[in-house]
C-alpha atoms as a PDB file:
ATOM      1  CA  UNK A   1      25.928  21.051  10.285  1.00  0.00           C
ATOM      2  CA  UNK A   2      29.135  19.026  10.835  1.00  0.00           C
ATOM      3  CA  UNK A   3      29.807  15.859   8.806  1.00  0.00           C
ATOM      4  CA  UNK A   4      32.104  13.774  11.069  1.00  0.00           C
ATOM      5  CA  UNK A   5      31.882  10.692   8.791  1.00  0.00           C
ATOM      6  CA  UNK A   6      33.005  12.422   5.643  1.00  0.00           C
ATOM      7  CA  UNK A   7      36.077  10.614   4.300  1.00  0.00           C
ATOM      8  CA  UNK A   8      39.049  12.903   3.704  1.00  0.00           C
ATOM      9  CA  UNK A   9      41.563  10.208   2.726  1.00  0.00           C
ATOM     10  CA  UNK A  10      41.142   6.586   1.635  1.00  0.00           C
ATOM     11  CA  UNK A  11      44.075   4.268   0.914  1.00  0.00           C
ATOM     12  CA  UNK A  12      43.489   0.746  -0.419  1.00  0.00           C
ATOM     13  CA  UNK A  13      46.139  -1.914  -0.795  1.00  0.00           C
ATOM     14  CA  UNK A  14      49.174   0.370  -0.454  1.00  0.00           C
ATOM     15  CA  UNK A  15      52.471  -1.406  -1.272  1.00  0.00           C
ATOM     16  CA  UNK A  16      55.982   0.004  -0.994  1.00  0.00           C
ATOM     17  CA  UNK A  17      58.959  -2.158  -1.948  1.00  0.00           C
ATOM     18  CA  UNK A  18      62.650  -1.330  -2.019  1.00  0.00           C
ATOM     19  CA  UNK A  19      65.383  -3.056  -4.027  1.00  0.00           C
ATOM     20  CA  UNK A  20      68.504  -3.692  -1.960  1.00  0.00           C
ATOM     21  CA  UNK A  21      71.716  -5.576  -2.495  1.00  0.00           C
ATOM     22  CA  UNK A  22      70.105  -8.510  -0.592  1.00  0.00           C
ATOM     23  CA  UNK A  23      66.902  -8.443  -2.680  1.00  0.00           C
ATOM     24  CA  UNK A  24      63.491  -6.794  -2.428  1.00  0.00           C
ATOM     25  CA  UNK A  25      62.309  -5.498   0.966  1.00  0.00           C
ATOM     26  CA  UNK A  26      58.598  -5.104   1.444  1.00  0.00           C
ATOM     27  CA  UNK A  27      58.274  -2.166   3.828  1.00  0.00           C
ATOM     28  CA  UNK A  28      54.486  -1.878   3.351  1.00  0.00           C
ATOM     29  CA  UNK A  29      52.436  -4.730   1.838  1.00  0.00           C
ATOM     30  CA  UNK A  30      48.703  -4.264   1.361  1.00  0.00           C
ATOM     31  CA  UNK A  31      47.796  -1.571   3.910  1.00  0.00           C
ATOM     32  CA  UNK A  32      44.238  -0.204   3.755  1.00  0.00           C
ATOM     33  CA  UNK A  33      42.876   2.634   5.869  1.00  0.00           C
ATOM     34  CA  UNK A  34      40.713   5.751   5.773  1.00  0.00           C
ATOM     35  CA  UNK A  35      40.632   9.020   7.720  1.00  0.00           C
ATOM     36  CA  UNK A  36      37.341  10.763   8.322  1.00  0.00           C
ATOM     37  CA  UNK A  37      36.754  14.458   8.889  1.00  0.00           C
ATOM     38  CA  UNK A  38      37.303  15.269  12.547  1.00  0.00           C
ATOM     39  CA  UNK A  39      39.753  12.416  13.200  1.00  0.00           C
END
């Protein structure tokens, strides 16, 4: 039996910021996604 809807990875509200000489750069701001088995 194959479970194609089984979640392998779930990411909720991912944020990645970088400090630069010009201030903070938001490269990722609130990304949410999931990857199911077979995708």
